[in-house]
Amino acid sequence: MKRSFPVILLLFVLVFFPGCGKKGPLSPPPLRIPQSVENFSLSQRGAQFVLSWINPTAYVDGSPIKEISEIEIWLMEEGSKEAGQRKITRREFEDKARIIARIFKQKFPLFHETGRATSRLIFIYRPENGIRTQETYAFALRVRDERRRVSEFSDPLSVVTQALPRPPVNVRATVFKNCILLRWDAPPESSDQSVPVQVVGYNLFRSSDKEPPFIVNPSLVKGTEYKDADFAFGQKYRYFIRAVASEGPPLLESDDSEVVEVLARDTFPPSSPSGLAAIAGTDYIALSWEASKEADIAGYKVWRQEAGGTEFILIASLGPADHSFIDSAVEKNKRYDYAITALDSAGNESQRSAPVPAVIR
């Protein structure tokens, strides 16, 4: 019986390639669902809530997201504090929450956290009718990509609202040679006028013409003063303070205090030069002294007083690298007293060093 060529070809494939075309279980297509937001945090600050987060950069399958087009902010309100004392599940949140805001990509720059370079976004929510105390407010976020595919809710974060401290009062700043000293008075009452006020510490914020406000203290300040040593003379700084009512998250803070502005003007003279020595030669007197250890030394002045004189006379102005001087305008058998002063870059002059005598015989 004559077989056709297609049948022979099929038999050849089945004999020599028996596994070809074998089907296994179907694999689901890769998920293109955005991941949830990252590093989500929640705090109560006075009569408002502050939400902070970082937008995701990948889908749940690990592939990169080209663009986040929208952020949804959802709120669940409970009329008691019990809900805030347990973990609220995503399912419970989804059943009870309502959307309170949408942020579109064109507006993202308006919500970036101020301060040092950061990818965090900040959203502040102030309920129209104010915050009711001892109730639970829970928040979660969802994001959408450029094709409107939506992420899961972030893990809900909740806070049981409290009557928070009023802001600190009587904030003042004093410039010293090595720091700016901030002092303030504790809040006189809570937002509901109750006393005593629950305060566990303070956070201090600084801004200038070159930088927006950022927190300066690495940990909660427990007292009512703080030394800011990371400053530069000639700069103008602005400070405000918040009272903190919680040790850990969610953070409970007062509103901002009044702002105090201070110009860090250098009015502090350097220390007097030390180690001054005088050696008489045949027709001159040689002086030497130790270099000042302060970083902003701009030069030295050499002072001389004749024996029996009433005041020192300036005889030389030197640069910061000069630590010696030869005085040739002297007479034999006449006693001279010498002293040195140091000058800094702001023009401040030190006290004169201890005088040393010298005479040419």
Protein backbone atom coordinates (compact mmCIF):
# COMPACT_ATOMS: atom_id res chain seq x y z
CA MET A 1 0.00 0.00 0.00
CA LYS A 2 1.40 3.36 -0.98
CA ARG A 3 1.64 5.92 1.80
CA SER A 4 1.42 9.64 1.14
CA PHE A 5 4.36 11.89 1.99
CA PRO A 6 2.56 13.80 4.85
CA VAL A 7 1.74 10.55 6.64
CA ILE A 8 5.36 9.36 6.37
CA LEU A 9 6.57 12.71 7.72
CA LEU A 10 4.18 12.44 10.70
CA LEU A 11 5.41 8.95 11.54
CA PHE A 12 9.01 10.14 11.32
CA VAL A 13 8.32 12.96 13.80
CA LEU A 14 6.53 10.64 16.25
CA VAL A 15 9.34 8.08 16.16
CA PHE A 16 12.34 10.37 16.39
CA PHE A 17 10.79 13.25 18.42
CA PRO A 18 8.32 11.56 20.75
CA GLY A 19 8.38 14.41 23.31
CA CYS A 20 7.75 17.15 20.80
CA GLY A 21 4.51 19.01 21.45
CA LYS A 22 3.87 17.38 24.82
CA LYS A 23 1.71 19.62 26.99
CA GLY A 24 2.23 20.12 30.73
CA PRO A 25 0.08 22.05 33.20
CA LEU A 26 -0.67 25.55 32.01
CA SER A 27 1.29 28.32 33.75
CA PRO A 28 -0.66 31.41 34.74
CA PRO A 29 0.44 34.58 33.00
CA PRO A 30 2.76 36.79 35.06
CA LEU A 31 0.86 39.11 37.40
CA ARG A 32 1.00 42.76 36.48
CA ILE A 33 -0.45 44.04 39.74
CA PRO A 34 1.48 46.86 41.44
CA GLN A 35 3.00 46.11 44.79
CA SER A 36 1.63 48.00 47.81
CA VAL A 37 3.28 51.18 49.02
CA GLU A 38 6.44 50.84 51.11
CA ASN A 39 7.43 52.20 54.54
CA PHE A 40 3.93 53.44 55.29
CA SER A 41 3.70 55.43 58.54
CA LEU A 42 0.94 57.29 60.38
CA SER A 43 0.96 59.92 63.11
CA GLN A 44 -1.41 62.32 64.82
CA ARG A 45 -0.12 65.89 64.94
CA GLY A 46 -2.42 68.20 66.82
CA ALA A 47 -5.82 68.11 65.09
CA GLN A 48 -4.59 66.39 61.93
CA PHE A 49 -3.20 63.08 60.68
CA VAL A 50 0.10 62.77 58.82
CA LEU A 51 0.60 59.88 56.39
CA SER A 52 4.01 59.12 54.88
CA TRP A 53 5.07 56.44 52.39
CA ILE A 54 7.20 55.48 49.37
CA ASN A 55 5.56 54.53 46.08
CA PRO A 56 6.30 51.00 44.84
CA THR A 57 8.70 50.52 41.94
CA ALA A 58 7.74 46.97 40.92
CA TYR A 59 4.82 44.65 40.23
CA VAL A 60 4.10 41.66 42.44
CA ASP A 61 6.05 39.46 39.99
CA GLY A 62 9.15 41.62 40.46
CA SER A 63 9.09 43.35 37.08
CA PRO A 64 9.59 47.14 37.22
CA ILE A 65 6.69 49.57 37.11
CA LYS A 66 7.01 52.17 34.41
CA GLU A 67 4.82 54.71 36.15
CA ILE A 68 2.44 55.14 39.10
CA SER A 69 -0.48 57.21 37.87
CA GLU A 70 -2.59 57.58 41.02
CA ILE A 71 -2.59 57.09 44.78
CA GLU A 72 -5.82 56.41 46.67
CA ILE A 73 -6.08 57.25 50.37
CA TRP A 74 -8.73 55.38 52.38
CA LEU A 75 -10.06 55.90 55.90
CA MET A 76 -11.92 53.64 58.33
CA GLU A 77 -13.44 55.31 61.40
CA GLU A 78 -14.47 53.41 64.50
CA GLY A 79 -16.44 54.99 67.33
CA SER A 80 -14.28 53.39 70.01
CA LYS A 81 -10.64 52.76 70.79
CA GLU A 82 -10.89 48.95 70.83
CA ALA A 83 -10.25 48.59 67.09
CA GLY A 84 -7.00 50.49 67.43
CA GLN A 85 -5.80 48.08 70.10
CA ARG A 86 -5.72 45.13 67.71
CA LYS A 87 -4.51 44.49 64.18
CA ILE A 88 -7.05 45.52 61.57
CA THR A 89 -7.03 43.13 58.61
CA ARG A 90 -7.13 44.23 54.99
CA ARG A 91 -10.48 42.44 54.55
CA GLU A 92 -12.06 44.27 57.50
CA PHE A 93 -10.63 47.54 56.29
CA GLU A 94 -11.92 47.04 52.74
CA ASP A 95 -15.43 46.32 54.04
CA LYS A 96 -15.63 49.44 56.21
CA ALA A 97 -13.35 52.06 54.67
CA ARG A 98 -14.11 54.96 52.35
CA ILE A 99 -11.85 56.85 49.99
CA ILE A 100 -10.97 60.36 51.16
CA ALA A 101 -8.42 61.53 48.59
CA ARG A 102 -6.85 60.76 45.23
CA ILE A 103 -3.43 62.07 44.26
CA PHE A 104 -2.62 62.03 40.56
CA LYS A 105 0.91 61.82 39.18
CA GLN A 106 0.91 65.46 38.07
CA LYS A 107 0.57 66.48 41.74
CA PHE A 108 3.19 64.11 43.19
CA PRO A 109 5.88 66.84 43.49
CA LEU A 110 3.58 68.83 45.81
CA PHE A 111 3.48 65.92 48.26
CA HIS A 112 7.18 65.08 48.44
CA GLU A 113 8.60 65.25 51.95
CA THR A 114 10.59 68.43 52.53
CA GLY A 115 14.12 68.27 53.87
CA ARG A 116 17.02 66.23 52.61
CA ALA A 117 16.72 64.35 49.29
CA THR A 118 14.01 61.71 49.72
CA SER A 119 11.46 59.67 47.76
CA ARG A 120 8.88 59.80 50.56
CA LEU A 121 5.50 61.41 50.06
CA ILE A 122 3.48 63.16 52.76
CA PHE A 123 -0.28 63.62 52.99
CA ILE A 124 -1.96 65.60 55.78
CA TYR A 125 -5.61 64.93 56.59
CA ARG A 126 -7.59 67.28 58.82
CA PRO A 127 -11.19 66.10 59.41
CA GLU A 128 -13.72 68.81 58.63
CA ASN A 129 -15.44 68.42 62.00
CA GLY A 130 -12.24 68.00 63.99
CA ILE A 131 -10.75 64.92 65.63
CA ARG A 132 -12.79 63.06 68.21
CA THR A 133 -10.65 61.74 71.04
CA GLN A 134 -10.48 58.11 72.15
CA GLU A 135 -11.68 56.88 68.76
CA THR A 136 -9.91 54.76 66.16
CA TYR A 137 -8.90 56.17 62.80
CA ALA A 138 -7.33 53.65 60.39
CA PHE A 139 -5.75 54.48 57.03
CA ALA A 140 -4.51 52.43 54.08
CA LEU A 141 -3.35 53.24 50.56
CA ARG A 142 -3.70 51.77 47.08
CA VAL A 143 -1.84 52.73 43.90
CA ARG A 144 -2.65 52.42 40.20
CA ASP A 145 -0.23 52.11 37.29
CA GLU A 146 -0.48 53.88 33.94
CA ARG A 147 -2.96 51.20 32.73
CA ARG A 148 -5.17 51.70 35.80
CA ARG A 149 -4.23 48.34 37.36
CA VAL A 150 -4.70 48.67 41.10
CA SER A 151 -2.59 47.29 43.94
CA GLU A 152 -3.79 45.58 47.10
CA PHE A 153 -4.40 47.81 50.10
CA SER A 154 -1.35 48.49 52.19
CA ASP A 155 -1.50 47.02 55.69
CA PRO A 156 -3.91 49.36 57.54
CA LEU A 157 -2.36 51.59 60.21
CA SER A 158 -4.51 52.89 63.03
CA VAL A 159 -4.26 55.43 65.81
CA VAL A 160 -6.42 55.94 68.88
CA THR A 161 -6.77 59.70 69.01
CA GLN A 162 -5.82 61.63 72.11
CA ALA A 163 -5.96 65.15 73.47
CA LEU A 164 -2.38 66.10 72.62
CA PRO A 165 -0.14 68.67 74.25
CA ARG A 166 -0.29 72.26 73.10
CA PRO A 167 2.94 73.35 71.38
CA PRO A 168 5.92 74.38 73.53
CA VAL A 169 6.04 78.09 74.35
CA ASN A 170 8.63 80.82 74.88
CA VAL A 171 11.11 79.34 72.38
CA ARG A 172 14.43 81.18 72.39
CA ALA A 173 17.85 80.72 70.79
CA THR A 174 21.29 81.93 71.92
CA VAL A 175 24.45 81.72 69.82
CA PHE A 176 27.59 80.44 71.51
CA LYS A 177 31.02 79.80 70.09
CA ASN A 178 30.44 76.08 69.60
CA CYS A 179 26.63 75.73 69.41
CA ILE A 180 23.25 77.39 69.16
CA LEU A 181 21.45 76.78 72.44
CA LEU A 182 17.68 76.31 72.15
CA ARG A 183 15.50 76.70 75.23
CA TRP A 184 11.73 76.53 75.61
CA ASP A 185 8.97 76.09 78.17
CA ALA A 186 6.81 72.97 78.39
CA PRO A 187 3.22 73.17 77.05
CA PRO A 188 0.95 74.69 79.71
CA GLU A 189 -2.00 72.41 78.87
CA SER A 190 -3.39 69.79 76.50
CA SER A 191 -5.62 70.53 73.54
CA ASP A 192 -8.69 69.85 75.71
CA GLN A 193 -7.29 72.22 78.39
CA SER A 194 -6.50 69.35 80.73
CA VAL A 195 -3.46 69.19 83.00
CA PRO A 196 -1.00 67.70 83.71
CA VAL A 197 0.24 67.44 80.14
CA GLN A 198 1.50 64.07 78.88
CA VAL A 199 4.90 64.83 77.24
CA VAL A 200 7.63 62.22 76.75
CA GLY A 201 10.01 64.43 74.76
CA TYR A 202 10.47 66.99 72.04
CA ASN A 203 11.48 67.15 68.37
CA LEU A 204 13.29 70.20 67.03
CA PHE A 205 13.17 71.37 63.42
CA ARG A 206 15.50 73.79 61.65
CA SER A 207 15.34 75.60 58.34
CA SER A 208 17.30 78.30 56.55
CA ASP A 209 17.33 80.11 53.23
CA LYS A 210 19.26 77.12 51.85
CA GLU A 211 17.24 74.22 53.28
CA PRO A 212 13.61 73.44 54.19
CA PRO A 213 12.70 72.28 57.71
CA PHE A 214 14.24 69.04 58.94
CA ILE A 215 14.56 67.39 62.34
CA VAL A 216 17.90 68.11 64.02
CA ASN A 217 17.81 65.86 67.09
CA PRO A 218 18.74 62.18 66.49
CA SER A 219 16.53 61.04 69.39
CA LEU A 220 13.79 62.55 71.51
CA VAL A 221 14.95 65.47 73.63
CA LYS A 222 13.89 64.75 77.18
CA GLY A 223 14.54 68.17 78.71
CA THR A 224 13.66 71.69 77.61
CA GLU A 225 16.96 72.69 76.00
CA TYR A 226 19.09 71.45 73.12
CA LYS A 227 22.53 72.36 71.74
CA ASP A 228 22.70 72.46 67.94
CA ALA A 229 26.41 72.17 67.17
CA ASP A 230 26.02 71.62 63.41
CA PHE A 231 25.86 75.25 62.29
CA ALA A 232 27.93 77.86 60.47
CA PHE A 233 28.61 81.45 61.47
CA GLY A 234 27.07 84.02 59.17
CA GLN A 235 23.95 81.90 58.51
CA LYS A 236 20.41 82.72 59.59
CA TYR A 237 18.44 79.81 61.06
CA ARG A 238 14.79 79.30 61.99
CA TYR A 239 13.66 76.76 64.61
CA PHE A 240 10.33 75.36 65.77
CA ILE A 241 9.55 72.57 68.26
CA ARG A 242 6.89 69.89 68.71
CA ALA A 243 5.97 68.19 71.96
CA VAL A 244 5.74 64.40 71.66
CA ALA A 245 3.28 62.29 73.64
CA SER A 246 4.32 58.78 72.54
CA GLU A 247 7.56 56.81 72.71
CA GLY A 248 6.85 54.72 69.61
CA PRO A 249 4.51 54.50 66.61
CA PRO A 250 2.03 55.83 65.96
CA LEU A 251 3.72 59.13 66.72
CA LEU A 252 1.59 61.59 68.71
CA GLU A 253 2.83 65.18 68.41
CA SER A 254 1.65 68.70 69.11
CA ASP A 255 1.34 71.32 66.42
CA ASP A 256 4.41 73.42 65.64
CA SER A 257 5.55 75.96 68.20
CA GLU A 258 6.24 79.55 67.30
CA VAL A 259 9.25 80.00 65.05
CA VAL A 260 12.38 81.61 66.46
CA GLU A 261 14.92 83.11 64.04
CA VAL A 262 18.56 83.63 64.91
CA LEU A 263 21.56 84.99 63.01
CA ALA A 264 24.69 83.03 63.95
CA ARG A 265 27.02 86.00 64.18
CA ASP A 266 30.59 85.30 65.26
CA THR A 267 31.36 87.70 68.10
CA PHE A 268 33.70 85.36 69.95
CA PRO A 269 37.41 86.22 70.08
CA PRO A 270 39.97 83.46 69.71
CA SER A 271 42.03 82.36 72.66
CA SER A 272 45.25 84.23 73.41
CA PRO A 273 48.42 82.90 71.77
CA SER A 274 50.63 80.84 74.04
CA GLY A 275 54.29 79.91 74.24
CA LEU A 276 55.66 83.40 73.51
CA ALA A 277 59.45 83.55 73.85
CA ALA A 278 61.93 86.39 73.23
CA ILE A 279 65.66 86.01 72.42
CA ALA A 280 67.96 89.04 72.24
CA GLY A 281 70.56 89.18 69.45
CA THR A 282 73.33 91.70 68.80
CA ASP A 283 70.98 94.32 67.38
CA TYR A 284 67.56 92.69 67.30
CA ILE A 285 65.07 90.78 69.42
CA ALA A 286 63.59 87.58 67.97
CA LEU A 287 60.09 86.50 69.00
CA SER A 288 58.35 83.14 68.51
CA TRP A 289 55.05 81.66 69.71
CA GLU A 290 52.86 78.59 69.26
CA ALA A 291 50.39 78.44 66.39
CA SER A 292 46.78 78.84 67.46
CA LYS A 293 44.74 75.64 67.28
CA GLU A 294 41.50 77.37 66.23
CA ALA A 295 40.43 76.81 62.64
CA ASP A 296 39.44 80.37 61.72
CA ILE A 297 42.65 82.21 62.69
CA ALA A 298 43.31 85.00 60.18
CA GLY A 299 46.52 86.48 61.62
CA TYR A 300 48.49 87.83 64.56
CA LYS A 301 49.48 91.23 65.94
CA VAL A 302 52.79 91.99 67.68
CA TRP A 303 52.69 94.49 70.52
CA ARG A 304 55.61 96.19 72.29
CA GLN A 305 55.95 98.36 75.37
CA GLU A 306 59.11 100.11 76.49
CA ALA A 307 60.16 99.86 80.11
CA GLY A 308 58.35 102.53 82.06
CA GLY A 309 55.76 102.96 79.32
CA THR A 310 52.04 103.08 80.00
CA GLU A 311 50.65 101.10 77.07
CA PHE A 312 51.54 98.58 74.38
CA ILE A 313 52.09 99.84 70.82
CA LEU A 314 51.30 97.78 67.71
CA ILE A 315 54.51 97.15 65.77
CA ALA A 316 53.48 94.42 63.28
CA SER A 317 50.46 92.68 61.71
CA LEU A 318 51.17 89.17 60.44
CA GLY A 319 49.43 86.39 58.54
CA PRO A 320 48.02 83.15 59.99
CA ALA A 321 51.13 81.15 59.00
CA ASP A 322 53.57 83.51 60.78
CA HIS A 323 54.60 82.36 64.24
CA SER A 324 57.77 84.44 64.62
CA PHE A 325 58.96 88.04 64.26
CA ILE A 326 62.28 89.90 64.40
CA ASP A 327 62.21 93.38 65.93
CA SER A 328 65.19 95.41 64.67
CA ALA A 329 63.92 98.78 65.83
CA VAL A 330 65.40 98.40 69.30
CA GLU A 331 68.13 100.06 71.34
CA LYS A 332 70.78 98.46 73.52
CA ASN A 333 70.42 98.40 77.26
CA LYS A 334 66.73 99.21 77.02
CA ARG A 335 64.10 96.77 78.25
CA TYR A 336 61.09 95.91 76.10
CA ASP A 337 57.98 93.90 76.91
CA TYR A 338 56.26 91.99 74.09
CA ALA A 339 52.81 90.48 73.70
CA ILE A 340 50.86 88.80 70.86
CA THR A 341 47.16 88.82 69.94
CA ALA A 342 45.33 86.54 67.49
CA LEU A 343 42.60 87.57 65.04
CA ASP A 344 39.93 85.36 63.50
CA SER A 345 38.22 85.60 60.11
CA ALA A 346 35.33 87.59 61.61
CA GLY A 347 37.70 90.28 62.85
CA ASN A 348 37.54 89.29 66.51
CA GLU A 349 40.77 89.85 68.42
CA SER A 350 41.98 87.84 71.38
CA GLN A 351 43.27 89.14 74.67
CA ARG A 352 47.03 89.84 74.67
CA SER A 353 49.25 86.98 75.63
CA ALA A 354 51.23 87.11 78.83
CA PRO A 355 54.01 89.64 78.18
CA VAL A 356 57.67 88.58 78.03
CA PRO A 357 60.64 90.94 78.57
CA ALA A 358 63.79 91.25 76.46
CA VAL A 359 66.86 93.52 76.44
CA ILE A 360 69.98 93.81 74.23
CA ARG A 361 73.21 94.14 76.16
